[in-house]
């Protein structure tokens, strides 16, 4: 299914992908930085807990794996660096949330793929889109609380939907 997302993002630079996934499998080097909004972060980067400076996770930990102490940020020298995912109790990135809200309020179509729409704050974005006259499309194995508001709903495994679309 990631190929479908990548195709849509490459097709139009105004398209965006808001995701709670942290695996980075939906990313593409050909996409613009603000097209993919990872609201729960990513395992593909390391980030400073103080200044938010980001580093390639592999390079950073290879360089600092021999250190005696947990690595401090090379930029600010004051914050610890960890994988760039949101940990329990850690605040979500307000800039990413603002961008997701902005993209949701400006879209014509809001397509939900593989989400129960029960986890906040991601479940607020479809409502923002609907309040700004976007059409909601839901592709999810199970029903969601937004199905009745959607223009179109397919309750099926995403792999099966993708197979039908890509024929």
C-alpha atoms as a PDB file:
ATOM      1  CA  UNK A   1       0.000   0.000   0.000  1.00  0.00           C
ATOM      2  CA  UNK A   2       2.953   2.277   0.510  1.00  0.00           C
ATOM      3  CA  UNK A   3       3.458   2.376  -3.264  1.00  0.00           C
ATOM      4  CA  UNK A   4       0.000   3.912  -3.645  1.00  0.00           C
ATOM      5  CA  UNK A   5       0.831   6.673  -1.160  1.00  0.00           C
ATOM      6  CA  UNK A   6       4.175   7.360  -2.802  1.00  0.00           C
ATOM      7  CA  UNK A   7       2.518   7.574  -6.222  1.00  0.00           C
ATOM      8  CA  UNK A   8      -0.060  10.074  -4.955  1.00  0.00           C
ATOM      9  CA  UNK A   9       2.597  12.241  -3.314  1.00  0.00           C
ATOM     10  CA  UNK A  10       4.799  12.292  -6.415  1.00  0.00           C
ATOM     11  CA  UNK A  11       1.805  13.042  -8.638  1.00  0.00           C
ATOM     12  CA  UNK A  12       0.932  16.285  -6.895  1.00  0.00           C
ATOM     13  CA  UNK A  13       3.145  18.211  -4.468  1.00  0.00           C
ATOM     14  CA  UNK A  14      -0.009  19.491  -2.731  1.00  0.00           C
ATOM     15  CA  UNK A  15      -0.891  15.969  -1.583  1.00  0.00           C
ATOM     16  CA  UNK A  16       0.096  15.079   1.967  1.00  0.00           C
ATOM     17  CA  UNK A  17       0.306  11.980   4.095  1.00  0.00           C
ATOM     18  CA  UNK A  18      -0.387  12.237   7.839  1.00  0.00           C
ATOM     19  CA  UNK A  19       0.740   9.130   9.671  1.00  0.00           C
ATOM     20  CA  UNK A  20       1.023   7.704  13.158  1.00  0.00           C
ATOM     21  CA  UNK A  21       3.372   4.982  11.886  1.00  0.00           C
ATOM     22  CA  UNK A  22       6.957   5.283  13.074  1.00  0.00           C
ATOM     23  CA  UNK A  23       8.576   2.725  10.754  1.00  0.00           C
ATOM     24  CA  UNK A  24       9.305   5.213   7.948  1.00  0.00           C
ATOM     25  CA  UNK A  25       8.181   2.745   5.285  1.00  0.00           C
ATOM     26  CA  UNK A  26       5.899   5.396   3.775  1.00  0.00           C
ATOM     27  CA  UNK A  27       8.764   7.838   3.141  1.00  0.00           C
ATOM     28  CA  UNK A  28      10.320   8.608  -0.206  1.00  0.00           C
ATOM     29  CA  UNK A  29      13.305  10.764  -1.062  1.00  0.00           C
ATOM     30  CA  UNK A  30      11.338  12.174  -3.991  1.00  0.00           C
ATOM     31  CA  UNK A  31       8.658  13.661  -1.729  1.00  0.00           C
ATOM     32  CA  UNK A  32       8.863  17.162  -0.322  1.00  0.00           C
ATOM     33  CA  UNK A  33       9.653  17.396   3.417  1.00  0.00           C
ATOM     34  CA  UNK A  34       6.214  18.701   4.410  1.00  0.00           C
ATOM     35  CA  UNK A  35       4.304  16.103   2.367  1.00  0.00           C
ATOM     36  CA  UNK A  36       4.822  13.347   4.954  1.00  0.00           C
ATOM     37  CA  UNK A  37       3.808  14.342   8.465  1.00  0.00           C
ATOM     38  CA  UNK A  38       4.908  11.748  11.011  1.00  0.00           C
ATOM     39  CA  UNK A  39       3.035  12.869  14.105  1.00  0.00           C
ATOM     40  CA  UNK A  40       4.509  10.116  16.294  1.00  0.00           C
ATOM     41  CA  UNK A  41       8.028  10.528  14.902  1.00  0.00           C
ATOM     42  CA  UNK A  42      10.214   8.017  13.109  1.00  0.00           C
ATOM     43  CA  UNK A  43      12.724   5.298  13.853  1.00  0.00           C
ATOM     44  CA  UNK A  44      14.822   6.488  10.915  1.00  0.00           C
ATOM     45  CA  UNK A  45      16.145   9.531  12.769  1.00  0.00           C
ATOM     46  CA  UNK A  46      17.576  10.389  16.148  1.00  0.00           C
ATOM     47  CA  UNK A  47      16.619  13.677  17.799  1.00  0.00           C
ATOM     48  CA  UNK A  48      17.756  15.819  20.692  1.00  0.00           C
ATOM     49  CA  UNK A  49      15.232  16.042  23.510  1.00  0.00           C
ATOM     50  CA  UNK A  50      16.353  19.630  24.183  1.00  0.00           C
ATOM     51  CA  UNK A  51      16.786  21.430  20.844  1.00  0.00           C
ATOM     52  CA  UNK A  52      15.059  18.918  18.490  1.00  0.00           C
ATOM     53  CA  UNK A  53      18.089  18.718  16.179  1.00  0.00           C
ATOM     54  CA  UNK A  54      17.742  15.596  14.049  1.00  0.00           C
ATOM     55  CA  UNK A  55      20.431  13.114  13.029  1.00  0.00           C
ATOM     56  CA  UNK A  56      20.578  10.007  10.888  1.00  0.00           C
ATOM     57  CA  UNK A  57      19.904   7.351  13.511  1.00  0.00           C
ATOM     58  CA  UNK A  58      22.407   4.811  12.239  1.00  0.00           C
ATOM     59  CA  UNK A  59      25.261   7.290  11.794  1.00  0.00           C
ATOM     60  CA  UNK A  60      24.635   8.921  15.155  1.00  0.00           C
ATOM     61  CA  UNK A  61      24.570   5.716  17.165  1.00  0.00           C
ATOM     62  CA  UNK A  62      27.519   4.184  15.318  1.00  0.00           C
ATOM     63  CA  UNK A  63      29.574   7.273  16.164  1.00  0.00           C
ATOM     64  CA  UNK A  64      28.489   7.426  19.793  1.00  0.00           C
ATOM     65  CA  UNK A  65      28.147   3.704  20.586  1.00  0.00           C
ATOM     66  CA  UNK A  66      31.661   3.667  21.962  1.00  0.00           C
ATOM     67  CA  UNK A  67      30.987   6.547  24.368  1.00  0.00           C
ATOM     68  CA  UNK A  68      30.900   5.823  28.095  1.00  0.00           C
ATOM     69  CA  UNK A  69      27.761   7.894  28.675  1.00  0.00           C
ATOM     70  CA  UNK A  70      24.503   8.310  26.821  1.00  0.00           C
ATOM     71  CA  UNK A  71      25.188  10.742  23.955  1.00  0.00           C
ATOM     72  CA  UNK A  72      24.581  14.439  24.393  1.00  0.00           C
ATOM     73  CA  UNK A  73      23.534  16.492  21.403  1.00  0.00           C
ATOM     74  CA  UNK A  74      26.536  17.764  19.417  1.00  0.00           C
ATOM     75  CA  UNK A  75      24.628  20.942  18.573  1.00  0.00           C
ATOM     76  CA  UNK A  76      23.347  22.184  21.939  1.00  0.00           C
ATOM     77  CA  UNK A  77      25.589  20.035  24.175  1.00  0.00           C
ATOM     78  CA  UNK A  78      22.749  19.943  26.688  1.00  0.00           C
ATOM     79  CA  UNK A  79      20.147  17.448  25.532  1.00  0.00           C
ATOM     80  CA  UNK A  80      20.092  13.695  25.260  1.00  0.00           C
ATOM     81  CA  UNK A  81      19.641  12.171  21.833  1.00  0.00           C
ATOM     82  CA  UNK A  82      17.304   9.237  21.270  1.00  0.00           C
ATOM     83  CA  UNK A  83      15.422   7.654  18.413  1.00  0.00           C
ATOM     84  CA  UNK A  84      13.018  10.296  17.067  1.00  0.00           C
ATOM     85  CA  UNK A  85       9.789   8.617  18.137  1.00  0.00           C
ATOM     86  CA  UNK A  86       7.355   9.968  20.679  1.00  0.00           C
ATOM     87  CA  UNK A  87       7.803   8.155  23.979  1.00  0.00           C
ATOM     88  CA  UNK A  88       5.067   7.692  26.556  1.00  0.00           C
ATOM     89  CA  UNK A  89       4.477  11.029  28.288  1.00  0.00           C
ATOM     90  CA  UNK A  90       6.452  12.994  25.694  1.00  0.00           C
ATOM     91  CA  UNK A  91       4.678  15.888  23.971  1.00  0.00           C
ATOM     92  CA  UNK A  92       3.884  15.593  20.277  1.00  0.00           C
ATOM     93  CA  UNK A  93       5.680  18.029  17.993  1.00  0.00           C
ATOM     94  CA  UNK A  94       3.450  21.111  17.832  1.00  0.00           C
ATOM     95  CA  UNK A  95       4.810  22.139  14.424  1.00  0.00           C
ATOM     96  CA  UNK A  96       3.870  18.749  12.946  1.00  0.00           C
ATOM     97  CA  UNK A  97       0.411  18.924  14.515  1.00  0.00           C
ATOM     98  CA  UNK A  98      -0.109  22.432  13.137  1.00  0.00           C
ATOM     99  CA  UNK A  99       0.961  21.322   9.678  1.00  0.00           C
ATOM    100  CA  UNK A 100      -1.377  18.305   9.839  1.00  0.00           C
ATOM    101  CA  UNK A 101      -4.268  20.581  10.875  1.00  0.00           C
ATOM    102  CA  UNK A 102      -3.446  23.008   8.078  1.00  0.00           C
ATOM    103  CA  UNK A 103      -3.289  20.261   5.438  1.00  0.00           C
ATOM    104  CA  UNK A 104      -6.527  18.743   6.769  1.00  0.00           C
ATOM    105  CA  UNK A 105      -8.337  22.065   6.563  1.00  0.00           C
ATOM    106  CA  UNK A 106      -7.175  22.707   2.985  1.00  0.00           C
ATOM    107  CA  UNK A 107      -7.784  19.323   1.368  1.00  0.00           C
ATOM    108  CA  UNK A 108     -10.547  18.406  -1.062  1.00  0.00           C
ATOM    109  CA  UNK A 109     -10.366  14.699  -0.281  1.00  0.00           C
ATOM    110  CA  UNK A 110      -9.278  13.159   3.007  1.00  0.00           C
ATOM    111  CA  UNK A 111      -8.470   9.480   2.587  1.00  0.00           C
ATOM    112  CA  UNK A 112      -8.111   7.334   5.695  1.00  0.00           C
ATOM    113  CA  UNK A 113      -6.158   4.137   5.157  1.00  0.00           C
ATOM    114  CA  UNK A 114      -5.815   1.451   7.798  1.00  0.00           C
ATOM    115  CA  UNK A 115      -6.843   3.453  10.846  1.00  0.00           C
ATOM    116  CA  UNK A 116      -9.489   2.811  13.473  1.00  0.00           C
ATOM    117  CA  UNK A 117      -9.791   6.595  13.921  1.00  0.00           C
ATOM    118  CA  UNK A 118      -9.923   6.022  17.675  1.00  0.00           C
ATOM    119  CA  UNK A 119      -6.496   7.441  18.593  1.00  0.00           C
ATOM    120  CA  UNK A 120      -6.178  11.126  19.379  1.00  0.00           C
ATOM    121  CA  UNK A 121      -5.060  13.505  17.985  1.00  0.00           C
ATOM    122  CA  UNK A 122      -5.006  11.758  14.602  1.00  0.00           C
ATOM    123  CA  UNK A 123      -8.726  11.125  14.802  1.00  0.00           C
ATOM    124  CA  UNK A 124      -9.340  14.902  14.815  1.00  0.00           C
ATOM    125  CA  UNK A 125      -7.962  15.446  11.320  1.00  0.00           C
ATOM    126  CA  UNK A 126     -10.879  13.854   9.412  1.00  0.00           C
ATOM    127  CA  UNK A 127     -13.298  16.100  11.340  1.00  0.00           C
ATOM    128  CA  UNK A 128     -11.217  19.169  10.429  1.00  0.00           C
ATOM    129  CA  UNK A 129     -11.360  18.115   6.779  1.00  0.00           C
ATOM    130  CA  UNK A 130     -15.113  17.502   6.912  1.00  0.00           C
ATOM    131  CA  UNK A 131     -15.698  20.876   8.595  1.00  0.00           C
ATOM    132  CA  UNK A 132     -13.935  22.470   5.623  1.00  0.00           C
ATOM    133  CA  UNK A 133     -16.091  20.672   3.025  1.00  0.00           C
ATOM    134  CA  UNK A 134     -13.650  17.898   2.110  1.00  0.00           C
ATOM    135  CA  UNK A 135     -14.957  14.525   1.060  1.00  0.00           C
ATOM    136  CA  UNK A 136     -13.976  11.709   3.409  1.00  0.00           C
ATOM    137  CA  UNK A 137     -12.978   8.309   2.052  1.00  0.00           C
ATOM    138  CA  UNK A 138     -12.255   5.448   4.460  1.00  0.00           C
ATOM    139  CA  UNK A 139     -10.334   2.312   3.534  1.00  0.00           C
ATOM    140  CA  UNK A 140     -10.077   0.144   6.635  1.00  0.00           C
ATOM    141  CA  UNK A 141     -10.639  -3.481   7.568  1.00  0.00           C
ATOM    142  CA  UNK A 142     -13.030  -2.602  10.415  1.00  0.00           C
ATOM    143  CA  UNK A 143     -15.677   0.074  10.674  1.00  0.00           C
ATOM    144  CA  UNK A 144     -14.735   3.425  12.208  1.00  0.00           C
ATOM    145  CA  UNK A 145     -16.638   6.128  14.114  1.00  0.00           C
ATOM    146  CA  UNK A 146     -16.493   8.254  10.936  1.00  0.00           C
ATOM    147  CA  UNK A 147     -18.053   5.778   8.497  1.00  0.00           C
ATOM    148  CA  UNK A 148     -21.443   7.510   8.537  1.00  0.00           C
ATOM    149  CA  UNK A 149     -19.829  10.841   7.620  1.00  0.00           C
ATOM    150  CA  UNK A 150     -17.739   9.361   4.806  1.00  0.00           C
ATOM    151  CA  UNK A 151     -18.550   9.748   1.148  1.00  0.00           C
ATOM    152  CA  UNK A 152     -17.137   6.299   0.483  1.00  0.00           C
ATOM    153  CA  UNK A 153     -16.137   3.380   2.743  1.00  0.00           C
ATOM    154  CA  UNK A 154     -14.441   0.086   1.931  1.00  0.00           C
ATOM    155  CA  UNK A 155     -14.092  -2.361   4.814  1.00  0.00           C
ATOM    156  CA  UNK A 156     -11.442  -4.738   3.528  1.00  0.00           C
ATOM    157  CA  UNK A 157      -7.771  -5.518   4.074  1.00  0.00           C
ATOM    158  CA  UNK A 158      -5.619  -2.809   2.522  1.00  0.00           C
ATOM    159  CA  UNK A 159      -3.653  -5.404   0.575  1.00  0.00           C
ATOM    160  CA  UNK A 160      -6.867  -6.537  -1.129  1.00  0.00           C
ATOM    161  CA  UNK A 161      -7.896  -2.957  -1.899  1.00  0.00           C
ATOM    162  CA  UNK A 162      -4.472  -2.250  -3.350  1.00  0.00           C
ATOM    163  CA  UNK A 163      -4.638  -5.349  -5.536  1.00  0.00           C
ATOM    164  CA  UNK A 164      -7.975  -4.166  -6.972  1.00  0.00           C
ATOM    165  CA  UNK A 165      -6.788  -0.590  -7.534  1.00  0.00           C
ATOM    166  CA  UNK A 166      -3.504  -1.559  -9.168  1.00  0.00           C
ATOM    167  CA  UNK A 167      -5.001  -3.900 -11.771  1.00  0.00           C
END
